[in-house]
Amino acid sequence: MGTDLYTDMCYIKYAKTRRMENSAHIVVIGAGIVGVSAGIWLRRKGFEVTLVDKDAPGEGTTSGNAGVLAACSVAPVTAPGMIAKSPGLLLDPNFPLFLRWSYLHKLTPWLVKYLSNANDADTRRIAAGLAPLTTDAVAQHSALIASTDAASWLQKSDYSFAYAARANFEADAYTWGLRRDAGFVPELVEGPEVREREPLLADEIGLLAVMRDHGYLRDPKEYVKALARVFEAEGGVYRQCAVKDLSLSNGHVTAVQTDKGALPCDSVVLAAGVWSKPLADKLGLKVPMETERGYHIVFKNPSETLNGPVMVAAGKFVATPMADGLRCAGIVEFGGLQAGPSTKPLALLEKVARATFPTLEFRGIDTWLGHRPAPSDSLPLIGEIGSTGVVAAFGHHHIGLTSGPKTGRLVADIVARTGGSNLDLTAYSPNRFN
């Protein structure tokens, strides 16, 4: 799979004007960034494609993230030392990690597996697996949206990490080492130049570690909706319906059962995020995956904003200038899919955001809760589940928006059984959990 944008644009133009139709019918379950991207790339390979979701495109987890195309996002949360630190962090009301204690008994089996990766060898293994999916993110998004209306939502930019001082930056040396191994070395900006770069930041921010060649989406929800329109314009079909079950014959999928009837198919792409787990269970794949509840707040009509996305290290949140205001996204909470938003995570996020941007004035705040799909080993599931004809494309944890278009391309190659990519997909095989 090439990442040369000129080559990709030529291929897309060819695919649109002289598509060789494939009689196989593919149903893609999930209309977030991964599912819509897969649908587009499958159409460009000539397949008949139906995209289904219980909601409109872009309404799920994709809609509420920080919007950053985080090419340097190769470091998993499970770094060495996490096991020793976790109890203290959970009890610290000023640290952005929360747990609904009534959920702990359900969380524990997954948590034990998750924390077992909090060592140097596994952290480096996971980082090596994440890098091929993230490092060319801007090029992959650009290839997907070339010559389409969706292109207007992508903004190329730097991605800055804000620290109080150099000592705080140096305390993150392990994580920066993983990024360096993936080819990302920051430019360090200190002193008065910090405010010259980002005037909105508080005086307490004394250092920016600036990553070049990144980007962000001015509105992730509208971006995915625009991609869905591209999908339909290129011949795909979208149906809003709830998936109830999968029908199989001799172990191979033959139809997707929905609340609006059956959709016969030759193959399925399962890209429904954390909601993919029940369907994977039906196929005999018991994925150790939990929902990591994430929050954002949007300061609407801000008096001033940032020049690009900023990760605020002390608060563990990302602030991004978006079409509807300044979005601050972060917080990790474990509490399952059913419970509504918690007040304490939102209160903490607002408090640290106000402290980071003390001169900010705005006209109201919007809040949001979403569900990141978190496999126990922090690597997504990309590949056919057994020999079922169901291709997994879920479990992207913190890199879903970043790596969605590339995952969509990989999935299209898997369905077509073509060698479009020379990437070894073993690390992402869903069958690793069997």
Protein backbone atom coordinates (compact mmCIF):
# COMPACT_ATOMS: atom_id res chain seq x y z
CA MET A 1 0.00 0.00 0.00
CA GLY A 2 1.65 3.23 -1.08
CA THR A 3 1.49 6.45 0.90
CA ASP A 4 2.46 8.67 -2.03
CA LEU A 5 -0.41 11.14 -2.28
CA TYR A 6 -0.03 11.73 -6.02
CA THR A 7 -0.23 7.98 -6.70
CA ASP A 8 -3.26 7.69 -4.42
CA MET A 9 -5.06 10.54 -6.17
CA CYS A 10 -4.43 8.95 -9.55
CA TYR A 11 -5.74 5.63 -8.26
CA ILE A 12 -8.88 7.26 -6.83
CA LYS A 13 -9.58 9.09 -10.10
CA TYR A 14 -9.17 5.81 -11.98
CA ALA A 15 -11.39 3.95 -9.53
CA LYS A 16 -14.15 6.53 -9.88
CA THR A 17 -14.12 6.58 -13.68
CA ARG A 18 -13.45 2.95 -14.57
CA ARG A 19 -14.48 0.80 -11.65
CA MET A 20 -14.49 -2.96 -12.26
CA GLU A 21 -17.50 -4.07 -10.24
CA ASN A 22 -17.14 -7.08 -7.96
CA SER A 23 -20.29 -9.13 -7.50
CA ALA A 24 -19.51 -9.83 -3.83
CA HIS A 25 -21.65 -7.95 -1.32
CA ILE A 26 -19.93 -6.68 1.81
CA VAL A 27 -21.77 -5.37 4.87
CA VAL A 28 -19.80 -2.99 7.08
CA ILE A 29 -21.12 -2.75 10.64
CA GLY A 30 -20.35 0.60 12.25
CA ALA A 31 -20.41 4.09 10.73
CA GLY A 32 -17.54 5.67 12.64
CA ILE A 33 -14.24 6.63 11.05
CA VAL A 34 -13.05 3.03 10.67
CA GLY A 35 -16.27 1.69 9.16
CA VAL A 36 -16.81 4.58 6.76
CA SER A 37 -13.17 4.44 5.64
CA ALA A 38 -13.47 0.70 5.04
CA GLY A 39 -16.66 1.26 3.07
CA ILE A 40 -15.00 3.81 0.79
CA TRP A 41 -11.94 1.69 0.11
CA LEU A 42 -14.08 -1.39 -0.53
CA ARG A 43 -16.15 0.58 -3.05
CA ARG A 44 -12.95 1.75 -4.73
CA LYS A 45 -12.07 -1.92 -5.16
CA GLY A 46 -15.42 -2.47 -6.86
CA PHE A 47 -17.36 -4.31 -4.16
CA GLU A 48 -21.06 -3.84 -3.52
CA VAL A 49 -21.06 -2.34 -0.01
CA THR A 50 -23.77 -1.64 2.53
CA LEU A 51 -22.83 0.35 5.63
CA VAL A 52 -25.08 -0.07 8.67
CA ASP A 53 -25.30 1.57 12.08
CA LYS A 54 -28.04 2.13 14.63
CA ASP A 55 -27.19 5.86 14.54
CA ALA A 56 -26.32 8.31 11.80
CA PRO A 57 -22.70 8.31 10.57
CA GLY A 58 -20.24 9.95 12.94
CA GLU A 59 -22.59 10.05 15.92
CA GLY A 60 -20.68 7.56 18.09
CA THR A 61 -17.26 7.61 19.72
CA THR A 62 -15.64 9.19 16.66
CA SER A 63 -17.59 12.39 17.20
CA GLY A 64 -16.21 13.33 20.58
CA ASN A 65 -12.45 12.81 20.55
CA ALA A 66 -9.73 15.44 20.48
CA GLY A 67 -9.67 15.43 16.68
CA VAL A 68 -5.89 15.11 16.42
CA LEU A 69 -4.26 13.05 13.69
CA ALA A 70 -1.71 11.92 16.24
CA ALA A 71 0.97 10.36 14.05
CA CYS A 72 3.34 10.16 17.04
CA SER A 73 0.81 8.29 19.21
CA VAL A 74 2.76 5.05 19.60
CA ALA A 75 3.10 4.84 23.39
CA PRO A 76 0.48 2.70 25.18
CA VAL A 77 -0.92 3.70 28.57
CA THR A 78 0.54 0.53 30.11
CA ALA A 79 4.07 1.79 30.65
CA PRO A 80 6.49 0.29 33.20
CA GLY A 81 5.66 1.39 36.75
CA MET A 82 1.94 1.71 36.11
CA ILE A 83 1.02 -1.11 38.50
CA ALA A 84 2.71 0.56 41.45
CA LYS A 85 1.28 3.98 40.63
CA SER A 86 -2.32 3.05 39.85
CA PRO A 87 -3.77 2.78 43.40
CA GLY A 88 -2.46 6.21 44.34
CA LEU A 89 -3.67 7.76 41.10
CA LEU A 90 -7.18 6.33 41.59
CA LEU A 91 -7.35 7.92 45.02
CA ASP A 92 -6.00 11.30 43.86
CA PRO A 93 -9.00 13.58 43.16
CA ASN A 94 -6.82 15.79 40.94
CA PHE A 95 -5.61 13.01 38.65
CA PRO A 96 -7.75 12.26 35.53
CA LEU A 97 -8.31 8.58 36.32
CA PHE A 98 -11.67 7.50 37.73
CA LEU A 99 -13.39 4.25 38.60
CA ARG A 100 -17.00 3.51 39.43
CA TRP A 101 -16.23 1.17 42.31
CA SER A 102 -19.46 -0.79 41.84
CA TYR A 103 -18.07 -1.86 38.44
CA LEU A 104 -14.76 -3.18 39.80
CA HIS A 105 -15.84 -6.82 40.02
CA LYS A 106 -16.72 -6.82 36.30
CA LEU A 107 -13.57 -4.91 35.38
CA THR A 108 -11.09 -7.06 37.30
CA PRO A 109 -10.50 -9.93 34.80
CA TRP A 110 -9.75 -7.45 32.02
CA LEU A 111 -7.71 -5.22 34.33
CA VAL A 112 -5.41 -8.08 35.37
CA LYS A 113 -4.64 -8.82 31.70
CA TYR A 114 -4.25 -5.13 30.89
CA LEU A 115 -1.78 -4.48 33.70
CA SER A 116 0.22 -7.58 32.79
CA ASN A 117 1.52 -5.55 29.82
CA ALA A 118 2.90 -2.78 32.06
CA ASN A 119 6.52 -3.78 31.57
CA ASP A 120 9.29 -2.68 29.23
CA ALA A 121 9.21 -5.65 26.84
CA ASP A 122 5.46 -5.56 26.26
CA THR A 123 5.36 -1.77 26.08
CA ARG A 124 7.96 -1.80 23.31
CA ARG A 125 6.14 -4.64 21.54
CA ILE A 126 2.87 -2.69 21.62
CA ALA A 127 4.56 0.53 20.48
CA ALA A 128 6.09 -1.35 17.53
CA GLY A 129 2.59 -2.56 16.65
CA LEU A 130 0.99 0.87 16.89
CA ALA A 131 3.59 2.71 14.81
CA PRO A 132 2.65 1.31 11.37
CA LEU A 133 -0.96 2.35 11.94
CA THR A 134 -0.31 5.92 13.07
CA THR A 135 2.93 7.34 11.67
CA ASP A 136 1.56 8.15 8.18
CA ALA A 137 -1.85 9.31 9.43
CA VAL A 138 -1.97 12.64 7.61
CA ALA A 139 -1.04 11.01 4.29
CA GLN A 140 -3.64 8.28 4.79
CA HIS A 141 -6.43 10.77 5.56
CA SER A 142 -5.32 12.92 2.61
CA ALA A 143 -5.50 9.93 0.26
CA LEU A 144 -8.97 9.03 1.48
CA ILE A 145 -10.40 12.51 1.00
CA ALA A 146 -8.48 13.71 -2.07
CA SER A 147 -10.77 15.65 -4.45
CA THR A 148 -13.79 15.33 -2.13
CA ASP A 149 -15.77 17.79 -0.02
CA ALA A 150 -14.49 16.08 3.14
CA ALA A 151 -11.06 17.61 2.56
CA SER A 152 -12.19 20.97 3.95
CA TRP A 153 -12.34 19.54 7.49
CA LEU A 154 -8.67 18.53 7.67
CA GLN A 155 -6.16 21.09 8.92
CA LYS A 156 -2.44 20.29 8.80
CA SER A 157 -0.61 21.59 11.85
CA ASP A 158 1.98 21.07 14.54
CA TYR A 159 1.07 19.07 17.63
CA SER A 160 2.49 20.54 20.84
CA PHE A 161 3.00 18.98 24.27
CA ALA A 162 2.87 21.58 27.06
CA TYR A 163 4.95 21.20 30.24
CA ALA A 164 5.56 23.41 33.25
CA ALA A 165 9.33 23.14 32.83
CA ARG A 166 12.13 21.15 31.22
CA ALA A 167 12.31 18.89 34.27
CA ASN A 168 8.70 17.80 33.67
CA PHE A 169 9.49 17.07 30.04
CA GLU A 170 12.56 15.05 31.02
CA ALA A 171 10.45 13.04 33.47
CA ASP A 172 8.60 11.72 30.39
CA ALA A 173 11.85 10.48 28.84
CA TYR A 174 10.65 6.89 28.50
CA THR A 175 7.61 7.85 26.41
CA TRP A 176 9.61 10.29 24.30
CA GLY A 177 12.11 7.51 23.70
CA LEU A 178 9.34 5.37 22.19
CA ARG A 179 8.33 8.27 19.96
CA ARG A 180 11.94 8.82 18.94
CA ASP A 181 12.25 5.15 17.98
CA ALA A 182 9.23 5.68 15.69
CA GLY A 183 10.95 8.64 14.04
CA PHE A 184 9.50 11.57 16.03
CA VAL A 185 11.86 14.04 17.67
CA PRO A 186 10.33 17.24 19.07
CA GLU A 187 11.49 20.81 18.76
CA LEU A 188 11.72 22.28 22.28
CA VAL A 189 10.40 25.81 22.79
CA GLU A 190 11.00 27.53 26.14
CA GLY A 191 10.55 30.84 27.90
CA PRO A 192 8.79 33.81 26.26
CA GLU A 193 8.59 31.98 22.93
CA VAL A 194 5.98 29.64 24.44
CA ARG A 195 3.51 32.53 24.66
CA GLU A 196 4.57 33.76 21.22
CA ARG A 197 3.56 30.37 19.83
CA GLU A 198 0.40 29.98 21.93
CA PRO A 199 -0.67 33.23 23.65
CA LEU A 200 -3.63 31.52 25.33
CA LEU A 201 -1.47 29.32 27.56
CA ALA A 202 -0.96 30.18 31.23
CA ASP A 203 2.36 31.62 32.38
CA GLU A 204 2.95 28.37 34.29
CA ILE A 205 3.56 26.59 30.99
CA GLY A 206 7.31 26.94 30.46
CA LEU A 207 8.05 24.46 27.67
CA LEU A 208 6.47 23.17 24.48
CA ALA A 209 7.65 19.98 22.80
CA VAL A 210 6.50 20.61 19.23
CA MET A 211 5.88 17.79 16.77
CA ARG A 212 5.83 18.74 13.08
CA ASP A 213 3.79 17.15 10.28
CA HIS A 214 0.63 16.41 12.21
CA GLY A 215 -2.92 17.65 11.75
CA TYR A 216 -6.40 17.81 13.19
CA LEU A 217 -10.04 17.80 12.16
CA ARG A 218 -12.06 20.92 12.76
CA ASP A 219 -15.12 18.79 13.55
CA PRO A 220 -14.72 14.98 13.65
CA LYS A 221 -18.48 14.35 13.50
CA GLU A 222 -18.98 16.52 10.41
CA TYR A 223 -15.88 15.01 8.86
CA VAL A 224 -17.28 11.48 9.13
CA LYS A 225 -20.68 12.66 7.87
CA ALA A 226 -18.89 14.14 4.85
CA LEU A 227 -17.06 10.84 4.34
CA ALA A 228 -20.39 9.01 4.45
CA ARG A 229 -21.62 11.26 1.65
CA VAL A 230 -18.47 10.43 -0.32
CA PHE A 231 -19.21 6.73 0.25
CA GLU A 232 -22.75 7.11 -1.09
CA ALA A 233 -21.62 9.27 -4.02
CA GLU A 234 -19.19 6.50 -4.98
CA GLY A 235 -22.01 3.94 -5.04
CA GLY A 236 -22.20 2.69 -1.45
CA VAL A 237 -25.48 2.22 0.39
CA TYR A 238 -26.10 3.40 3.97
CA ARG A 239 -28.86 1.89 6.09
CA GLN A 240 -29.66 3.08 9.59
CA CYS A 241 -30.63 -0.04 11.52
CA ALA A 242 -29.59 -1.97 14.61
CA VAL A 243 -27.65 -5.19 14.08
CA LYS A 244 -29.09 -8.08 16.07
CA ASP A 245 -27.16 -11.14 14.91
CA LEU A 246 -25.10 -12.80 12.21
CA SER A 247 -26.27 -15.79 10.17
CA LEU A 248 -23.70 -18.40 9.21
CA SER A 249 -23.75 -21.48 6.99
CA ASN A 250 -21.00 -24.07 7.42
CA GLY A 251 -19.18 -21.57 9.61
CA HIS A 252 -19.21 -18.72 7.07
CA VAL A 253 -21.31 -15.57 7.34
CA THR A 254 -24.26 -15.37 4.96
CA ALA A 255 -26.36 -12.50 6.34
CA VAL A 256 -26.52 -9.71 8.89
CA GLN A 257 -29.76 -9.73 10.86
CA THR A 258 -31.07 -6.26 11.70
CA ASP A 259 -34.19 -4.78 13.26
CA LYS A 260 -35.26 -3.92 9.72
CA GLY A 261 -34.67 -7.33 8.17
CA ALA A 262 -31.84 -9.50 6.91
CA LEU A 263 -28.99 -8.26 4.72
CA PRO A 264 -27.56 -11.18 2.72
CA CYS A 265 -23.82 -10.84 2.22
CA ASP A 266 -20.60 -12.58 1.23
CA SER A 267 -18.46 -10.96 3.92
CA VAL A 268 -18.78 -8.62 6.89
CA VAL A 269 -16.50 -5.94 8.30
CA LEU A 270 -17.06 -5.57 12.04
CA ALA A 271 -16.14 -1.97 12.90
CA ALA A 272 -18.51 -1.07 15.73
CA GLY A 273 -15.92 -0.16 18.35
CA VAL A 274 -16.61 -1.52 21.81
CA TRP A 275 -20.07 -2.61 20.61
CA SER A 276 -18.32 -5.18 18.39
CA LYS A 277 -17.69 -7.46 21.36
CA PRO A 278 -21.15 -9.14 21.54
CA LEU A 279 -21.01 -10.05 17.84
CA ALA A 280 -17.44 -11.33 18.20
CA ASP A 281 -18.67 -13.46 21.12
CA LYS A 282 -21.26 -15.05 18.82
CA LEU A 283 -18.41 -16.09 16.54
CA GLY A 284 -16.57 -17.74 19.41
CA LEU A 285 -14.04 -14.93 19.83
CA LYS A 286 -13.90 -13.86 23.49
CA VAL A 287 -12.12 -10.53 23.26
CA PRO A 288 -10.76 -9.14 26.54
CA MET A 289 -11.94 -5.60 25.84
CA GLU A 290 -13.42 -2.91 28.04
CA THR A 291 -14.90 0.51 27.49
CA GLU A 292 -12.61 3.32 28.55
CA ARG A 293 -15.00 6.18 29.16
CA GLY A 294 -13.69 9.48 27.80
CA TYR A 295 -15.02 13.00 28.24
CA HIS A 296 -14.76 16.33 26.53
CA ILE A 297 -15.90 19.87 27.14
CA VAL A 298 -16.22 22.57 24.49
CA PHE A 299 -15.82 26.23 25.36
CA LYS A 300 -18.23 27.77 22.87
CA ASN A 301 -17.52 31.04 21.02
CA PRO A 302 -14.13 31.51 22.72
CA SER A 303 -12.61 34.98 22.92
CA GLU A 304 -9.37 33.50 21.58
CA THR A 305 -8.15 30.04 20.68
CA LEU A 306 -5.06 27.95 20.01
CA ASN A 307 -3.04 27.85 16.80
CA GLY A 308 -3.05 24.06 16.84
CA PRO A 309 -3.75 21.11 19.15
CA VAL A 310 -1.93 21.06 22.48
CA MET A 311 -1.51 18.12 24.84
CA VAL A 312 -1.37 19.55 28.38
CA ALA A 313 0.87 17.08 30.19
CA ALA A 314 -0.11 18.03 33.74
CA GLY A 315 -3.82 17.61 33.06
CA LYS A 316 -3.54 14.69 30.61
CA PHE A 317 -5.94 16.35 28.17
CA VAL A 318 -5.74 17.66 24.62
CA ALA A 319 -7.08 21.08 23.65
CA THR A 320 -7.98 21.54 19.98
CA PRO A 321 -9.34 24.58 18.11
CA MET A 322 -12.51 23.39 16.41
CA ALA A 323 -15.35 24.83 14.40
CA ASP A 324 -17.69 24.88 17.39
CA GLY A 325 -15.18 26.19 19.95
CA LEU A 326 -12.14 25.12 21.94
CA ARG A 327 -12.50 21.41 22.70
CA CYS A 328 -10.70 19.89 25.68
CA ALA A 329 -10.75 16.09 25.63
CA GLY A 330 -9.30 13.60 28.06
CA ILE A 331 -10.02 11.73 31.30
CA VAL A 332 -10.00 7.97 31.77
CA GLU A 333 -12.94 6.43 33.62
CA PHE A 334 -13.92 2.80 34.01
CA GLY A 335 -17.58 2.16 34.64
CA GLY A 336 -19.08 0.19 31.78
CA LEU A 337 -21.38 1.06 28.89
CA GLN A 338 -24.65 1.52 30.73
CA ALA A 339 -23.97 4.27 33.28
CA GLY A 340 -24.46 7.91 32.35
CA PRO A 341 -21.85 10.69 32.68
CA SER A 342 -20.13 11.24 36.02
CA THR A 343 -19.89 14.73 37.46
CA LYS A 344 -16.39 14.51 38.96
CA PRO A 345 -14.49 13.82 35.70
CA LEU A 346 -16.20 16.72 33.96
CA ALA A 347 -15.58 19.02 36.92
CA LEU A 348 -11.87 18.13 36.97
CA LEU A 349 -11.53 18.60 33.22
CA GLU A 350 -13.14 22.02 33.40
CA LYS A 351 -10.97 23.02 36.36
CA VAL A 352 -7.65 22.13 34.75
CA ALA A 353 -8.70 23.63 31.41
CA ARG A 354 -9.61 26.95 33.03
CA ALA A 355 -6.27 26.97 34.86
CA THR A 356 -4.42 26.29 31.60
CA PHE A 357 -6.27 29.07 29.73
CA PRO A 358 -6.84 31.71 32.46
CA THR A 359 -7.73 34.58 30.10
CA LEU A 360 -10.24 32.57 28.07
CA GLU A 361 -13.74 33.97 27.81
CA PHE A 362 -16.57 32.00 26.25
CA ARG A 363 -20.35 31.72 25.89
CA GLY A 364 -21.34 28.42 27.39
CA ILE A 365 -19.96 24.88 27.69
CA ASP A 366 -20.99 21.66 25.94
CA THR A 367 -20.06 18.31 27.47
CA TRP A 368 -19.80 14.77 26.08
CA LEU A 369 -19.15 11.20 27.19
CA GLY A 370 -17.94 8.47 24.83
CA HIS A 371 -16.54 4.95 24.93
CA ARG A 372 -13.05 4.08 23.73
CA PRO A 373 -12.70 0.36 22.88
CA ALA A 374 -9.76 -0.88 24.97
CA PRO A 375 -8.37 -4.38 24.26
CA SER A 376 -6.24 -5.76 27.08
CA ASP A 377 -3.08 -5.45 24.96
CA SER A 378 -3.85 -1.97 23.53
CA LEU A 379 -3.62 -3.21 19.93
CA PRO A 380 -6.61 -3.16 17.55
CA LEU A 381 -8.13 -6.26 16.00
CA ILE A 382 -7.64 -6.24 12.23
CA GLY A 383 -8.17 -9.46 10.31
CA GLU A 384 -10.56 -12.29 9.59
CA ILE A 385 -12.08 -14.00 12.61
CA GLY A 386 -11.24 -17.64 11.97
CA SER A 387 -12.66 -18.60 8.57
CA THR A 388 -16.01 -16.91 9.12
CA GLY A 389 -15.76 -14.24 6.44
CA VAL A 390 -16.13 -11.65 9.21
CA VAL A 391 -13.20 -9.23 9.24
CA ALA A 392 -12.51 -7.48 12.54
CA ALA A 393 -11.69 -3.76 12.43
CA PHE A 394 -12.18 -2.56 16.00
CA GLY A 395 -10.42 -2.05 19.32
CA HIS A 396 -8.34 1.00 18.38
CA HIS A 397 -8.31 2.46 21.92
CA HIS A 398 -6.75 5.95 21.59
CA ILE A 399 -5.84 5.81 17.89
CA GLY A 400 -9.19 5.24 16.16
CA LEU A 401 -9.49 8.60 14.42
CA THR A 402 -5.79 8.70 13.63
CA SER A 403 -5.58 5.25 12.06
CA GLY A 404 -9.13 4.82 10.72
CA PRO A 405 -8.35 5.43 7.02
CA LYS A 406 -5.33 3.12 7.07
CA THR A 407 -7.31 0.41 8.82
CA GLY A 408 -10.00 0.81 6.18
CA ARG A 409 -7.45 0.22 3.44
CA LEU A 410 -6.03 -2.83 5.19
CA VAL A 411 -9.52 -4.25 5.61
CA ALA A 412 -10.33 -3.71 1.95
CA ASP A 413 -7.17 -5.60 1.00
CA ILE A 414 -8.09 -8.46 3.37
CA VAL A 415 -11.59 -8.76 1.92
CA ALA A 416 -10.27 -8.60 -1.64
CA ARG A 417 -7.47 -11.02 -0.70
CA THR A 418 -4.99 -8.81 -2.50
CA GLY A 419 -1.48 -7.93 -1.46
CA GLY A 420 -2.06 -4.20 -1.34
CA SER A 421 0.09 -3.87 1.76
CA ASN A 422 3.40 -5.40 2.75
CA LEU A 423 2.57 -4.82 6.42
CA ASP A 424 2.68 -7.92 8.61
CA LEU A 425 -0.74 -7.98 10.32
CA THR A 426 0.11 -10.72 12.81
CA ALA A 427 0.16 -8.31 15.76
CA TYR A 428 -3.45 -7.30 15.05
CA SER A 429 -4.89 -10.73 14.35
CA PRO A 430 -8.17 -11.17 16.23
CA ASN A 431 -7.33 -14.86 16.54
CA ARG A 432 -4.51 -14.02 18.98
CA PHE A 433 -7.15 -14.15 21.71
CA ASN A 434 -8.01 -17.76 20.91
